[in-house]
Amino acid sequence: MGVIIAKSVNEACAVLAENPAATVLAGGTDLMVQVNRGTHSLETVLDLSRIPELKKWTMEDNQIILGAGISYTDLTHPQLSAFFPALAQAARTVGSPQIRNAGTLGGNLATASPAGDTIPVLVAMDASMQLKSSTETREVSITEFITGVKANALKPGEIIESIKVPIFKGPQEFLKVGTRNAMVISVVSLALVTDYLERKLRIGVGSVSPVPFRATEAEEFISDKFDWETNRNLSEKVINKFSELVANSTEPIDDHRGTANYRKHAVKVLAKRALERVSAGDIK
């Protein structure tokens, strides 16, 4: 097995141009599970973990540009979590401290698992991704990038360079249900983000369909009912209707972590809890 340690994004893209079949390694927290199971063989590995530009973040206009090599631990830093509290909440639910130190945002997206913890938040926030090769740079939305269960839109020779995330004013929540309380893959996950500028609540849902998605019908309903002046006074009837719309938007399956019926029930509960918490949050 050959290992190439890239020192810059351009160098990484040049390596992939010569050898598009090389396995790209960032944190390795998903890849090494496959290797240890014998489902992924390694011939040539391109290591991105020592590229400084992938670990940085910057602010441009009203959005944050996150390098794809930013770790889950980085996402919980107070400077970033102040902008994206739901993304920080999602990052804190990932594995052990060692996994959070190693695993990267770009890796979570490239794996494209329906259970990816950061993905519902990024879907709710209309994030987009910068994909780079030796010949071009292109931008795609998260929903365009994730094409199926563990399938993505990366072309041969491309890497994820960065993720652009808009900054929204208002409370945010991320919630998930797993088979235990810690270090667990989600059975259901949900992100709720308030957008006071557009007067809209945004809902991203994970683990209840082949790809994470926005529950648009529920968004339209609750955005119209929400009290944008005081952030209060949602009736129990409205909250229940909202949670039912979220649950009805899902297409869950039965698997070893839970049944379809359980997932529908769980996402309904999470939607209700998230809305109640957002409604009780401070307007900032």
C-alpha atoms as a PDB file:
ATOM      1  CA  MET A   1       0.000   0.000   0.000  1.00  0.00           C
ATOM      2  CA  GLY A   2       1.306   3.438  -0.933  1.00  0.00           C
ATOM      3  CA  VAL A   3       0.518   6.508   1.148  1.00  0.00           C
ATOM      4  CA  ILE A   4       0.786  10.045  -0.229  1.00  0.00           C
ATOM      5  CA  ILE A   5       0.611  12.894   2.296  1.00  0.00           C
ATOM      6  CA  ALA A   6      -0.623  16.038   0.550  1.00  0.00           C
ATOM      7  CA  LYS A   7       0.471  19.411   1.920  1.00  0.00           C
ATOM      8  CA  SER A   8      -1.975  21.577  -0.072  1.00  0.00           C
ATOM      9  CA  VAL A   9      -5.340  21.317  -1.815  1.00  0.00           C
ATOM     10  CA  ASN A  10      -3.691  21.823  -5.216  1.00  0.00           C
ATOM     11  CA  GLU A  11      -1.224  19.013  -4.507  1.00  0.00           C
ATOM     12  CA  ALA A  12      -4.050  16.697  -3.476  1.00  0.00           C
ATOM     13  CA  CYS A  13      -5.972  17.455  -6.656  1.00  0.00           C
ATOM     14  CA  ALA A  14      -2.863  16.847  -8.760  1.00  0.00           C
ATOM     15  CA  VAL A  15      -2.367  13.441  -7.124  1.00  0.00           C
ATOM     16  CA  LEU A  16      -5.990  12.487  -7.776  1.00  0.00           C
ATOM     17  CA  ALA A  17      -5.715  13.623 -11.399  1.00  0.00           C
ATOM     18  CA  GLU A  18      -2.937  11.072 -11.885  1.00  0.00           C
ATOM     19  CA  ASN A  19      -4.633   8.386  -9.790  1.00  0.00           C
ATOM     20  CA  PRO A  20      -8.410   8.921  -9.521  1.00  0.00           C
ATOM     21  CA  ALA A  21      -8.806   5.505  -7.849  1.00  0.00           C
ATOM     22  CA  ALA A  22      -6.726   6.524  -4.822  1.00  0.00           C
ATOM     23  CA  THR A  23      -8.579   6.330  -1.504  1.00  0.00           C
ATOM     24  CA  VAL A  24      -8.928   9.745   0.114  1.00  0.00           C
ATOM     25  CA  LEU A  25      -8.291   9.739   3.860  1.00  0.00           C
ATOM     26  CA  ALA A  26      -9.240  12.603   6.187  1.00  0.00           C
ATOM     27  CA  GLY A  27     -10.083  11.556   9.755  1.00  0.00           C
ATOM     28  CA  GLY A  28     -10.556   7.900   8.838  1.00  0.00           C
ATOM     29  CA  THR A  29     -13.324   7.314  11.384  1.00  0.00           C
ATOM     30  CA  ASP A  30     -15.687   5.899   8.746  1.00  0.00           C
ATOM     31  CA  LEU A  31     -13.111   4.541   6.291  1.00  0.00           C
ATOM     32  CA  MET A  32     -11.187   2.448   8.796  1.00  0.00           C
ATOM     33  CA  VAL A  33     -14.374   0.713   9.931  1.00  0.00           C
ATOM     34  CA  GLN A  34     -14.837  -0.490   6.345  1.00  0.00           C
ATOM     35  CA  VAL A  35     -11.167  -1.493   6.091  1.00  0.00           C
ATOM     36  CA  ASN A  36     -11.306  -3.460   9.326  1.00  0.00           C
ATOM     37  CA  ARG A  37     -14.449  -5.239   8.144  1.00  0.00           C
ATOM     38  CA  GLY A  38     -12.744  -6.155   4.878  1.00  0.00           C
ATOM     39  CA  THR A  39     -15.263  -4.274   2.735  1.00  0.00           C
ATOM     40  CA  HIS A  40     -12.750  -1.706   1.466  1.00  0.00           C
ATOM     41  CA  SER A  41      -9.257  -2.549   0.224  1.00  0.00           C
ATOM     42  CA  LEU A  42      -6.434  -0.013   0.190  1.00  0.00           C
ATOM     43  CA  GLU A  43      -3.861   0.225  -2.592  1.00  0.00           C
ATOM     44  CA  THR A  44      -3.029   3.919  -2.737  1.00  0.00           C
ATOM     45  CA  VAL A  45      -4.070   6.316   0.054  1.00  0.00           C
ATOM     46  CA  LEU A  46      -4.133  10.095  -0.270  1.00  0.00           C
ATOM     47  CA  ASP A  47      -3.914  11.642   3.200  1.00  0.00           C
ATOM     48  CA  LEU A  48      -5.547  15.090   3.513  1.00  0.00           C
ATOM     49  CA  SER A  49      -5.076  15.429   7.272  1.00  0.00           C
ATOM     50  CA  ARG A  50      -2.008  17.692   7.022  1.00  0.00           C
ATOM     51  CA  ILE A  51      -3.453  20.330   4.683  1.00  0.00           C
ATOM     52  CA  PRO A  52      -3.715  23.523   6.780  1.00  0.00           C
ATOM     53  CA  GLU A  53      -6.202  25.292   4.489  1.00  0.00           C
ATOM     54  CA  LEU A  54      -8.760  22.517   4.998  1.00  0.00           C
ATOM     55  CA  LYS A  55      -8.769  23.146   8.765  1.00  0.00           C
ATOM     56  CA  LYS A  56      -9.570  26.878   8.605  1.00  0.00           C
ATOM     57  CA  TRP A  57     -12.802  28.822   8.582  1.00  0.00           C
ATOM     58  CA  THR A  58     -13.582  32.343   7.412  1.00  0.00           C
ATOM     59  CA  MET A  59     -16.542  34.720   7.335  1.00  0.00           C
ATOM     60  CA  GLU A  60     -17.739  36.221   4.062  1.00  0.00           C
ATOM     61  CA  ASP A  61     -20.781  38.497   3.989  1.00  0.00           C
ATOM     62  CA  ASN A  62     -23.472  36.665   5.971  1.00  0.00           C
ATOM     63  CA  GLN A  63     -22.008  33.167   5.775  1.00  0.00           C
ATOM     64  CA  ILE A  64     -19.224  31.081   7.268  1.00  0.00           C
ATOM     65  CA  ILE A  65     -16.946  29.051   5.012  1.00  0.00           C
ATOM     66  CA  LEU A  66     -15.813  25.915   6.824  1.00  0.00           C
ATOM     67  CA  GLY A  67     -12.791  23.979   5.604  1.00  0.00           C
ATOM     68  CA  ALA A  68     -13.687  20.349   4.936  1.00  0.00           C
ATOM     69  CA  GLY A  69     -10.976  19.190   7.350  1.00  0.00           C
ATOM     70  CA  ILE A  70     -12.545  20.917  10.358  1.00  0.00           C
ATOM     71  CA  SER A  71     -13.172  18.340  13.074  1.00  0.00           C
ATOM     72  CA  TYR A  72     -16.272  17.732  15.160  1.00  0.00           C
ATOM     73  CA  THR A  73     -14.356  19.127  18.126  1.00  0.00           C
ATOM     74  CA  ASP A  74     -13.630  22.308  16.149  1.00  0.00           C
ATOM     75  CA  LEU A  75     -17.371  22.724  15.508  1.00  0.00           C
ATOM     76  CA  THR A  76     -18.019  22.871  19.253  1.00  0.00           C
ATOM     77  CA  HIS A  77     -15.577  25.763  19.781  1.00  0.00           C
ATOM     78  CA  PRO A  78     -17.401  28.812  21.213  1.00  0.00           C
ATOM     79  CA  GLN A  79     -16.471  30.986  18.219  1.00  0.00           C
ATOM     80  CA  LEU A  80     -18.222  28.634  15.787  1.00  0.00           C
ATOM     81  CA  SER A  81     -20.979  27.359  18.049  1.00  0.00           C
ATOM     82  CA  ALA A  82     -22.150  30.948  18.551  1.00  0.00           C
ATOM     83  CA  PHE A  83     -23.028  31.052  14.837  1.00  0.00           C
ATOM     84  CA  PHE A  84     -24.308  27.475  14.504  1.00  0.00           C
ATOM     85  CA  PRO A  85     -25.520  26.112  17.861  1.00  0.00           C
ATOM     86  CA  ALA A  86     -27.384  23.234  16.179  1.00  0.00           C
ATOM     87  CA  LEU A  87     -24.250  22.172  14.315  1.00  0.00           C
ATOM     88  CA  ALA A  88     -22.310  22.204  17.587  1.00  0.00           C
ATOM     89  CA  GLN A  89     -25.070  20.156  19.244  1.00  0.00           C
ATOM     90  CA  ALA A  90     -24.837  17.603  16.426  1.00  0.00           C
ATOM     91  CA  ALA A  91     -21.045  17.464  16.652  1.00  0.00           C
ATOM     92  CA  ARG A  92     -21.185  16.773  20.401  1.00  0.00           C
ATOM     93  CA  THR A  93     -23.285  13.653  19.808  1.00  0.00           C
ATOM     94  CA  VAL A  94     -20.641  12.022  17.589  1.00  0.00           C
ATOM     95  CA  GLY A  95     -18.724   9.158  19.173  1.00  0.00           C
ATOM     96  CA  SER A  96     -16.087   9.577  21.846  1.00  0.00           C
ATOM     97  CA  PRO A  97     -13.745  12.571  22.313  1.00  0.00           C
ATOM     98  CA  GLN A  98     -11.098  10.703  20.298  1.00  0.00           C
ATOM     99  CA  ILE A  99     -13.515  10.234  17.391  1.00  0.00           C
ATOM    100  CA  ARG A 100     -14.615  13.880  17.561  1.00  0.00           C
ATOM    101  CA  ASN A 101     -10.963  14.970  17.459  1.00  0.00           C
ATOM    102  CA  ALA A 102     -10.261  12.881  14.357  1.00  0.00           C
ATOM    103  CA  GLY A 103     -13.516  12.905  12.386  1.00  0.00           C
ATOM    104  CA  THR A 104     -14.097  15.752   9.929  1.00  0.00           C
ATOM    105  CA  LEU A 105     -17.076  17.637   8.556  1.00  0.00           C
ATOM    106  CA  GLY A 106     -16.039  16.825   4.992  1.00  0.00           C
ATOM    107  CA  GLY A 107     -15.743  13.153   5.858  1.00  0.00           C
ATOM    108  CA  ASN A 108     -19.253  13.087   7.331  1.00  0.00           C
ATOM    109  CA  LEU A 109     -20.596  14.544   4.088  1.00  0.00           C
ATOM    110  CA  ALA A 110     -18.543  12.306   1.800  1.00  0.00           C
ATOM    111  CA  THR A 111     -19.776   9.190   3.635  1.00  0.00           C
ATOM    112  CA  ALA A 112     -23.318  10.419   2.846  1.00  0.00           C
ATOM    113  CA  SER A 113     -24.971   8.161   5.394  1.00  0.00           C
ATOM    114  CA  PRO A 114     -28.657   8.853   6.105  1.00  0.00           C
ATOM    115  CA  ALA A 115     -27.582   8.785   9.778  1.00  0.00           C
ATOM    116  CA  GLY A 116     -24.852  11.423   9.361  1.00  0.00           C
ATOM    117  CA  ASP A 117     -25.281  13.734  12.342  1.00  0.00           C
ATOM    118  CA  THR A 118     -24.186  17.058  10.856  1.00  0.00           C
ATOM    119  CA  ILE A 119     -26.134  16.601   7.628  1.00  0.00           C
ATOM    120  CA  PRO A 120     -29.706  17.444   8.781  1.00  0.00           C
ATOM    121  CA  VAL A 121     -28.405  20.716  10.225  1.00  0.00           C
ATOM    122  CA  LEU A 122     -26.610  21.638   6.997  1.00  0.00           C
ATOM    123  CA  VAL A 123     -29.686  20.668   4.968  1.00  0.00           C
ATOM    124  CA  ALA A 124     -31.898  22.867   7.155  1.00  0.00           C
ATOM    125  CA  MET A 125     -29.476  25.766   6.684  1.00  0.00           C
ATOM    126  CA  ASP A 126     -29.248  25.460   2.881  1.00  0.00           C
ATOM    127  CA  ALA A 127     -25.502  24.914   3.049  1.00  0.00           C
ATOM    128  CA  SER A 128     -23.506  24.411  -0.138  1.00  0.00           C
ATOM    129  CA  MET A 129     -20.223  22.672  -0.870  1.00  0.00           C
ATOM    130  CA  GLN A 130     -17.158  23.648  -2.867  1.00  0.00           C
ATOM    131  CA  LEU A 131     -15.776  20.675  -4.793  1.00  0.00           C
ATOM    132  CA  LYS A 132     -12.324  20.997  -6.345  1.00  0.00           C
ATOM    133  CA  SER A 133     -10.294  19.048  -8.884  1.00  0.00           C
ATOM    134  CA  SER A 134      -7.159  19.851 -10.852  1.00  0.00           C
ATOM    135  CA  THR A 135      -9.288  21.308 -13.660  1.00  0.00           C
ATOM    136  CA  GLU A 136     -12.306  22.972 -12.043  1.00  0.00           C
ATOM    137  CA  THR A 137     -14.055  24.171  -8.922  1.00  0.00           C
ATOM    138  CA  ARG A 138     -17.796  23.767  -8.629  1.00  0.00           C
ATOM    139  CA  GLU A 139     -20.425  24.506  -6.018  1.00  0.00           C
ATOM    140  CA  VAL A 140     -23.331  22.203  -5.210  1.00  0.00           C
ATOM    141  CA  SER A 141     -25.979  22.208  -2.508  1.00  0.00           C
ATOM    142  CA  ILE A 142     -25.953  19.533   0.191  1.00  0.00           C
ATOM    143  CA  THR A 143     -29.137  18.025  -1.236  1.00  0.00           C
ATOM    144  CA  GLU A 144     -27.578  17.819  -4.715  1.00  0.00           C
ATOM    145  CA  PHE A 145     -24.386  16.314  -3.310  1.00  0.00           C
ATOM    146  CA  ILE A 146     -25.980  13.425  -1.410  1.00  0.00           C
ATOM    147  CA  THR A 147     -27.567  11.270  -4.103  1.00  0.00           C
ATOM    148  CA  GLY A 148     -28.516   8.135  -2.156  1.00  0.00           C
ATOM    149  CA  VAL A 149     -27.595   5.884   0.738  1.00  0.00           C
ATOM    150  CA  LYS A 150     -23.829   6.390   1.125  1.00  0.00           C
ATOM    151  CA  ALA A 151     -23.670   7.807  -2.417  1.00  0.00           C
ATOM    152  CA  ASN A 152     -22.471  11.272  -3.389  1.00  0.00           C
ATOM    153  CA  ALA A 153     -21.894  13.452  -6.440  1.00  0.00           C
ATOM    154  CA  LEU A 154     -18.082  13.596  -6.247  1.00  0.00           C
ATOM    155  CA  LYS A 155     -16.499  13.129  -9.666  1.00  0.00           C
ATOM    156  CA  PRO A 156     -13.236  11.193 -10.113  1.00  0.00           C
ATOM    157  CA  GLY A 157     -10.374  13.466  -9.083  1.00  0.00           C
ATOM    158  CA  GLU A 158     -12.494  15.734  -6.863  1.00  0.00           C
ATOM    159  CA  ILE A 159     -12.256  16.488  -3.156  1.00  0.00           C
ATOM    160  CA  ILE A 160     -14.512  18.475  -0.854  1.00  0.00           C
ATOM    161  CA  GLU A 161     -12.713  21.760  -0.234  1.00  0.00           C
ATOM    162  CA  SER A 162     -15.176  23.698   1.910  1.00  0.00           C
ATOM    163  CA  ILE A 163     -18.758  24.074   3.083  1.00  0.00           C
ATOM    164  CA  LYS A 164     -20.599  27.426   2.961  1.00  0.00           C
ATOM    165  CA  VAL A 165     -23.163  27.861   5.732  1.00  0.00           C
ATOM    166  CA  PRO A 166     -25.472  30.912   5.945  1.00  0.00           C
ATOM    167  CA  ILE A 167     -25.772  32.649   9.310  1.00  0.00           C
ATOM    168  CA  PHE A 168     -29.335  32.836  10.637  1.00  0.00           C
ATOM    169  CA  LYS A 169     -30.729  34.905  13.469  1.00  0.00           C
ATOM    170  CA  GLY A 170     -32.716  32.928  16.030  1.00  0.00           C
ATOM    171  CA  PRO A 171     -32.652  29.805  18.217  1.00  0.00           C
ATOM    172  CA  GLN A 172     -31.630  26.429  16.791  1.00  0.00           C
ATOM    173  CA  GLU A 173     -32.002  22.839  17.950  1.00  0.00           C
ATOM    174  CA  PHE A 174     -30.584  19.452  16.989  1.00  0.00           C
ATOM    175  CA  LEU A 175     -32.038  16.282  18.471  1.00  0.00           C
ATOM    176  CA  LYS A 176     -31.502  12.609  17.800  1.00  0.00           C
ATOM    177  CA  VAL A 177     -32.654   9.228  19.074  1.00  0.00           C
ATOM    178  CA  GLY A 178     -30.322   6.250  19.279  1.00  0.00           C
ATOM    179  CA  THR A 179     -30.322   2.787  20.767  1.00  0.00           C
ATOM    180  CA  ARG A 180     -28.452   4.118  23.813  1.00  0.00           C
ATOM    181  CA  ASN A 181     -27.646   7.512  25.325  1.00  0.00           C
ATOM    182  CA  ALA A 182     -24.094   8.100  24.074  1.00  0.00           C
ATOM    183  CA  MET A 183     -21.689   7.239  21.239  1.00  0.00           C
ATOM    184  CA  VAL A 184     -24.493   5.941  19.051  1.00  0.00           C
ATOM    185  CA  ILE A 185     -25.609   6.033  15.421  1.00  0.00           C
ATOM    186  CA  SER A 186     -28.908   7.871  15.111  1.00  0.00           C
ATOM    187  CA  VAL A 187     -32.160   6.030  14.561  1.00  0.00           C
ATOM    188  CA  VAL A 188     -33.790   9.418  13.879  1.00  0.00           C
ATOM    189  CA  SER A 189     -32.324  12.931  13.839  1.00  0.00           C
ATOM    190  CA  LEU A 190     -33.824  16.373  13.333  1.00  0.00           C
ATOM    191  CA  ALA A 191     -32.595  19.964  13.129  1.00  0.00           C
ATOM    192  CA  LEU A 192     -34.812  23.034  13.557  1.00  0.00           C
ATOM    193  CA  VAL A 193     -33.406  26.449  12.630  1.00  0.00           C
ATOM    194  CA  THR A 194     -35.211  29.784  12.960  1.00  0.00           C
ATOM    195  CA  ASP A 195     -34.638  32.449  10.320  1.00  0.00           C
ATOM    196  CA  TYR A 196     -35.950  35.775  11.592  1.00  0.00           C
ATOM    197  CA  LEU A 197     -34.876  37.680   8.469  1.00  0.00           C
ATOM    198  CA  GLU A 198     -37.067  35.575   6.183  1.00  0.00           C
ATOM    199  CA  ARG A 199     -39.516  34.710   8.982  1.00  0.00           C
ATOM    200  CA  LYS A 200     -39.182  31.011   8.337  1.00  0.00           C
ATOM    201  CA  LEU A 201     -38.512  27.901  10.372  1.00  0.00           C
ATOM    202  CA  ARG A 202     -36.297  25.366   8.589  1.00  0.00           C
ATOM    203  CA  ILE A 203     -36.452  21.644   9.343  1.00  0.00           C
ATOM    204  CA  GLY A 204     -33.840  19.070   8.296  1.00  0.00           C
ATOM    205  CA  VAL A 205     -34.527  15.393   8.987  1.00  0.00           C
ATOM    206  CA  GLY A 206     -32.164  12.413   8.938  1.00  0.00           C
ATOM    207  CA  SER A 207     -32.334   8.599   9.175  1.00  0.00           C
ATOM    208  CA  VAL A 208     -35.941   8.431   7.962  1.00  0.00           C
ATOM    209  CA  SER A 209     -35.396   8.379   4.180  1.00  0.00           C
ATOM    210  CA  PRO A 210     -32.595   7.421   1.752  1.00  0.00           C
ATOM    211  CA  VAL A 211     -31.275  10.990   1.907  1.00  0.00           C
ATOM    212  CA  PRO A 212     -31.679  13.790   4.488  1.00  0.00           C
ATOM    213  CA  PHE A 213     -34.327  16.326   3.444  1.00  0.00           C
ATOM    214  CA  ARG A 214     -36.266  19.475   4.311  1.00  0.00           C
ATOM    215  CA  ALA A 215     -39.795  18.937   5.646  1.00  0.00           C
ATOM    216  CA  THR A 216     -41.160  21.763   3.501  1.00  0.00           C
ATOM    217  CA  GLU A 217     -44.881  21.310   4.168  1.00  0.00           C
ATOM    218  CA  ALA A 218     -44.266  21.431   7.909  1.00  0.00           C
ATOM    219  CA  GLU A 219     -41.999  24.466   7.408  1.00  0.00           C
ATOM    220  CA  GLU A 220     -44.674  26.409   5.555  1.00  0.00           C
ATOM    221  CA  PHE A 221     -47.325  25.548   8.130  1.00  0.00           C
ATOM    222  CA  ILE A 222     -45.338  26.512  11.215  1.00  0.00           C
ATOM    223  CA  SER A 223     -43.708  29.578   9.666  1.00  0.00           C
ATOM    224  CA  ASP A 224     -47.192  30.984   9.117  1.00  0.00           C
ATOM    225  CA  LYS A 225     -48.315  30.176  12.675  1.00  0.00           C
ATOM    226  CA  PHE A 226     -45.138  31.248  14.495  1.00  0.00           C
ATOM    227  CA  ASP A 227     -45.265  34.461  16.551  1.00  0.00           C
ATOM    228  CA  TRP A 228     -42.313  36.333  15.070  1.00  0.00           C
ATOM    229  CA  GLU A 229     -42.734  39.334  17.384  1.00  0.00           C
ATOM    230  CA  THR A 230     -42.589  37.613  20.770  1.00  0.00           C
ATOM    231  CA  ASN A 231     -41.495  34.037  19.922  1.00  0.00           C
ATOM    232  CA  ARG A 232     -44.254  32.738  22.190  1.00  0.00           C
ATOM    233  CA  ASN A 233     -47.822  31.446  22.416  1.00  0.00           C
ATOM    234  CA  LEU A 234     -47.866  28.430  20.106  1.00  0.00           C
ATOM    235  CA  SER A 235     -50.932  26.368  20.966  1.00  0.00           C
ATOM    236  CA  GLU A 236     -50.767  22.651  21.654  1.00  0.00           C
ATOM    237  CA  LYS A 237     -52.932  22.114  18.561  1.00  0.00           C
ATOM    238  CA  VAL A 238     -50.439  23.924  16.334  1.00  0.00           C
ATOM    239  CA  ILE A 239     -47.456  22.095  17.829  1.00  0.00           C
ATOM    240  CA  ASN A 240     -49.152  18.719  17.346  1.00  0.00           C
ATOM    241  CA  LYS A 241     -50.119  19.536  13.757  1.00  0.00           C
ATOM    242  CA  PHE A 242     -46.550  20.577  12.998  1.00  0.00           C
ATOM    243  CA  SER A 243     -45.076  17.388  14.460  1.00  0.00           C
ATOM    244  CA  GLU A 244     -47.568  15.273  12.496  1.00  0.00           C
ATOM    245  CA  LEU A 245     -46.599  17.009   9.239  1.00  0.00           C
ATOM    246  CA  VAL A 246     -42.934  16.324   9.920  1.00  0.00           C
ATOM    247  CA  ALA A 247     -43.627  12.655  10.671  1.00  0.00           C
ATOM    248  CA  ASN A 248     -45.801  12.283   7.556  1.00  0.00           C
ATOM    249  CA  SER A 249     -43.005  13.642   5.354  1.00  0.00           C
ATOM    250  CA  THR A 250     -40.741  10.695   6.208  1.00  0.00           C
ATOM    251  CA  GLU A 251     -40.141   7.396   4.398  1.00  0.00           C
ATOM    252  CA  PRO A 252     -38.532   5.237   7.099  1.00  0.00           C
ATOM    253  CA  ILE A 253     -37.560   1.587   6.833  1.00  0.00           C
ATOM    254  CA  ASP A 254     -37.243  -1.328   9.229  1.00  0.00           C
ATOM    255  CA  ASP A 255     -33.656  -2.235  10.112  1.00  0.00           C
ATOM    256  CA  HIS A 256     -31.618  -3.574  13.021  1.00  0.00           C
ATOM    257  CA  ARG A 257     -31.767  -0.195  14.817  1.00  0.00           C
ATOM    258  CA  GLY A 258     -35.528   0.330  14.674  1.00  0.00           C
ATOM    259  CA  THR A 259     -38.795  -0.222  12.827  1.00  0.00           C
ATOM    260  CA  ALA A 260     -40.408   2.192  10.399  1.00  0.00           C
ATOM    261  CA  ASN A 261     -43.292   2.755  12.819  1.00  0.00           C
ATOM    262  CA  TYR A 262     -40.904   3.533  15.659  1.00  0.00           C
ATOM    263  CA  ARG A 263     -39.013   6.008  13.484  1.00  0.00           C
ATOM    264  CA  LYS A 264     -42.231   7.817  12.528  1.00  0.00           C
ATOM    265  CA  HIS A 265     -43.213   8.055  16.182  1.00  0.00           C
ATOM    266  CA  ALA A 266     -39.725   9.181  17.239  1.00  0.00           C
ATOM    267  CA  VAL A 267     -39.435  11.926  14.624  1.00  0.00           C
ATOM    268  CA  LYS A 268     -42.843  13.228  15.686  1.00  0.00           C
ATOM    269  CA  VAL A 269     -41.632  13.452  19.286  1.00  0.00           C
ATOM    270  CA  LEU A 270     -38.375  15.157  18.242  1.00  0.00           C
ATOM    271  CA  ALA A 271     -40.210  17.705  16.095  1.00  0.00           C
ATOM    272  CA  LYS A 272     -42.473  18.607  19.016  1.00  0.00           C
ATOM    273  CA  ARG A 273     -39.559  18.928  21.459  1.00  0.00           C
ATOM    274  CA  ALA A 274     -37.478  21.002  19.059  1.00  0.00           C
ATOM    275  CA  LEU A 275     -40.335  23.416  18.384  1.00  0.00           C
ATOM    276  CA  GLU A 276     -41.092  23.805  22.084  1.00  0.00           C
ATOM    277  CA  ARG A 277     -37.430  24.566  22.811  1.00  0.00           C
ATOM    278  CA  VAL A 278     -37.099  27.023  19.930  1.00  0.00           C
ATOM    279  CA  SER A 279     -40.281  28.762  21.023  1.00  0.00           C
ATOM    280  CA  ALA A 280     -38.845  29.202  24.512  1.00  0.00           C
ATOM    281  CA  GLY A 281     -35.470  30.439  23.251  1.00  0.00           C
ATOM    282  CA  ASP A 282     -34.146  33.965  23.209  1.00  0.00           C
ATOM    283  CA  ILE A 283     -34.321  35.992  19.992  1.00  0.00           C
ATOM    284  CA  LYS A 284     -30.713  36.860  19.098  1.00  0.00           C
END
